Amino acid sequence: MNGWLVANLVGTALMVGFIWTIQVLTYPMMSAVPADGFVAYETMHRNRVTAVLAVLAPTEVVATAGVVLFVDDVALWLSVGAAVLLFSIWLSTALFYAPLHMQLSNGFDPAVHRRLVHGNWIRTAAWTLRGVAAIAMLAVAT
């Protein structure tokens, strides 16, 4: 069994679980935070999410690079496609989701919150697709 493929599956599976937790629990519950505590809540959310991602994201990125660079027994389109998907996820995070969080740092805004919750389904689907790709790569290689 290829260590890069296992690391890729583990790293991706952790991120899939993380994004589904954010999507189904954390983001929807933001609307229930009282207005006078929302700025503090959003600040804590950003800080804690950043701390978790500081561990999980590099693991997934390094494992993805390892698969693309060092694994020959999976279809190139599958490994490169999964890597492009990961790049797209992080690019959208920087360009779309992080700015929404910065807007929410000034206080709860229902329209911004709605864009965050609805838009994040795209990122959730993309990470889920990466999870399927990671399983497929491991299945094809074994």
Protein backbone atom coordinates (compact mmCIF):
# COMPACT_ATOMS: atom_id res chain seq x y z
CA MET A 1 0.00 0.00 0.00
CA ASN A 2 1.41 3.38 -1.01
CA GLY A 3 2.07 5.71 1.92
CA TRP A 4 1.33 8.84 -0.14
CA LEU A 5 -2.10 7.52 -1.06
CA VAL A 6 -2.88 6.64 2.55
CA ALA A 7 -1.70 10.07 3.75
CA ASN A 8 -3.78 11.70 1.01
CA LEU A 9 -6.87 9.78 2.06
CA VAL A 10 -6.37 10.57 5.74
CA GLY A 11 -5.65 14.27 5.12
CA THR A 12 -8.55 14.65 2.76
CA ALA A 13 -10.95 12.68 4.97
CA LEU A 14 -10.10 14.94 7.92
CA MET A 15 -10.84 18.01 5.80
CA VAL A 16 -14.08 16.50 4.49
CA GLY A 17 -15.23 15.90 8.06
CA PHE A 18 -14.13 19.38 9.04
CA ILE A 19 -15.97 21.16 6.20
CA TRP A 20 -19.17 19.16 6.78
CA THR A 21 -19.04 20.10 10.48
CA ILE A 22 -18.62 23.75 9.55
CA GLN A 23 -21.38 23.58 6.92
CA VAL A 24 -24.01 21.69 8.89
CA LEU A 25 -23.33 22.89 12.43
CA THR A 26 -21.14 25.95 12.77
CA TYR A 27 -22.29 28.23 9.98
CA PRO A 28 -26.04 27.75 10.49
CA MET A 29 -25.73 28.27 14.25
CA MET A 30 -24.08 31.67 13.76
CA SER A 31 -27.52 33.20 13.32
CA ALA A 32 -28.44 32.16 16.88
CA VAL A 33 -25.58 34.08 18.51
CA PRO A 34 -26.91 37.20 20.28
CA ALA A 35 -25.98 40.44 18.53
CA ASP A 36 -24.01 41.77 21.49
CA GLY A 37 -21.75 38.71 21.49
CA PHE A 38 -21.43 38.06 17.77
CA VAL A 39 -18.19 39.96 17.12
CA ALA A 40 -16.45 38.06 19.91
CA TYR A 41 -17.93 34.79 18.64
CA GLU A 42 -16.76 35.43 15.08
CA THR A 43 -13.27 36.32 16.31
CA MET A 44 -13.09 33.09 18.34
CA HIS A 45 -14.43 31.13 15.37
CA ARG A 46 -11.77 32.51 13.01
CA ASN A 47 -8.95 31.96 15.51
CA ARG A 48 -9.95 28.40 16.34
CA VAL A 49 -10.62 27.42 12.74
CA THR A 50 -7.23 28.85 11.79
CA ALA A 51 -5.55 26.79 14.53
CA VAL A 52 -7.20 23.58 13.30
CA LEU A 53 -6.41 24.37 9.67
CA ALA A 54 -2.79 25.10 10.54
CA VAL A 55 -2.45 21.36 11.16
CA LEU A 56 -4.93 19.84 8.72
CA ALA A 57 -4.33 21.95 5.61
CA PRO A 58 -0.56 21.39 5.28
CA THR A 59 -1.10 17.67 5.80
CA GLU A 60 -3.57 17.56 2.92
CA VAL A 61 -1.48 19.81 0.66
CA VAL A 62 1.76 17.84 1.20
CA ALA A 63 0.00 14.50 0.73
CA THR A 64 -1.67 15.76 -2.45
CA ALA A 65 1.68 16.95 -3.81
CA GLY A 66 3.21 13.60 -2.89
CA VAL A 67 0.55 11.74 -4.84
CA VAL A 68 1.00 13.93 -7.92
CA LEU A 69 4.80 13.79 -7.83
CA PHE A 70 5.58 10.28 -6.60
CA VAL A 71 2.67 7.93 -7.28
CA ASP A 72 2.68 6.30 -10.70
CA ASP A 73 -0.01 3.67 -10.24
CA VAL A 74 -3.05 5.97 -10.39
CA ALA A 75 -4.45 7.79 -13.39
CA LEU A 76 -2.68 11.13 -13.83
CA TRP A 77 -5.98 12.87 -14.57
CA LEU A 78 -7.32 11.69 -11.21
CA SER A 79 -4.38 12.84 -9.11
CA VAL A 80 -3.90 16.12 -10.98
CA GLY A 81 -7.66 16.73 -11.05
CA ALA A 82 -7.82 16.29 -7.28
CA ALA A 83 -4.87 18.66 -6.87
CA VAL A 84 -6.53 21.29 -9.08
CA LEU A 85 -9.69 20.91 -7.03
CA LEU A 86 -7.70 21.50 -3.84
CA PHE A 87 -6.08 24.60 -5.33
CA SER A 88 -9.53 25.87 -6.34
CA ILE A 89 -10.87 25.28 -2.83
CA TRP A 90 -8.09 27.31 -1.23
CA LEU A 91 -8.26 30.03 -3.84
CA SER A 92 -12.01 30.41 -3.25
CA THR A 93 -11.37 30.43 0.49
CA ALA A 94 -8.96 33.35 0.12
CA LEU A 95 -11.04 35.29 -2.40
CA PHE A 96 -14.60 34.61 -1.25
CA TYR A 97 -14.99 32.97 2.17
CA ALA A 98 -12.31 34.83 4.14
CA PRO A 99 -13.67 38.24 3.04
CA LEU A 100 -17.16 37.18 4.14
CA HIS A 101 -15.78 36.32 7.57
CA MET A 102 -14.03 39.68 7.70
CA GLN A 103 -17.38 41.37 6.99
CA LEU A 104 -18.98 39.34 9.78
CA SER A 105 -16.18 40.49 12.10
CA ASN A 106 -17.94 43.86 12.19
CA GLY A 107 -21.20 42.31 13.34
CA PHE A 108 -23.83 39.85 12.16
CA ASP A 109 -25.26 40.68 8.75
CA PRO A 110 -28.01 38.31 7.56
CA ALA A 111 -27.18 38.84 3.87
CA VAL A 112 -23.47 38.10 4.38
CA HIS A 113 -24.32 35.11 6.55
CA ARG A 114 -26.67 33.78 3.88
CA ARG A 115 -23.93 34.11 1.21
CA LEU A 116 -21.53 32.27 3.51
CA VAL A 117 -23.91 29.40 4.25
CA HIS A 118 -25.22 28.98 0.70
CA GLY A 119 -21.88 29.55 -1.01
CA ASN A 120 -20.07 27.12 1.27
CA TRP A 121 -22.07 24.24 -0.20
CA ILE A 122 -19.80 24.56 -3.24
CA ARG A 123 -16.69 24.18 -1.10
CA THR A 124 -18.32 21.32 0.83
CA ALA A 125 -19.13 19.51 -2.43
CA ALA A 126 -15.61 20.09 -3.75
CA TRP A 127 -13.98 18.65 -0.64
CA THR A 128 -16.40 15.72 -0.68
CA LEU A 129 -15.44 15.07 -4.31
CA ARG A 130 -11.79 15.12 -3.23
CA GLY A 131 -12.66 12.47 -0.66
CA VAL A 132 -14.21 10.29 -3.35
CA ALA A 133 -11.12 10.83 -5.53
CA ALA A 134 -8.81 9.86 -2.64
CA ILE A 135 -10.76 6.63 -2.13
CA ALA A 136 -10.71 5.93 -5.87
CA MET A 137 -6.94 6.49 -6.09
CA LEU A 138 -6.30 4.08 -3.23
CA ALA A 139 -8.69 1.51 -4.70
CA VAL A 140 -7.10 1.68 -8.15
CA ALA A 141 -3.57 1.38 -6.79
CA THR A 142 -4.19 -1.66 -4.57
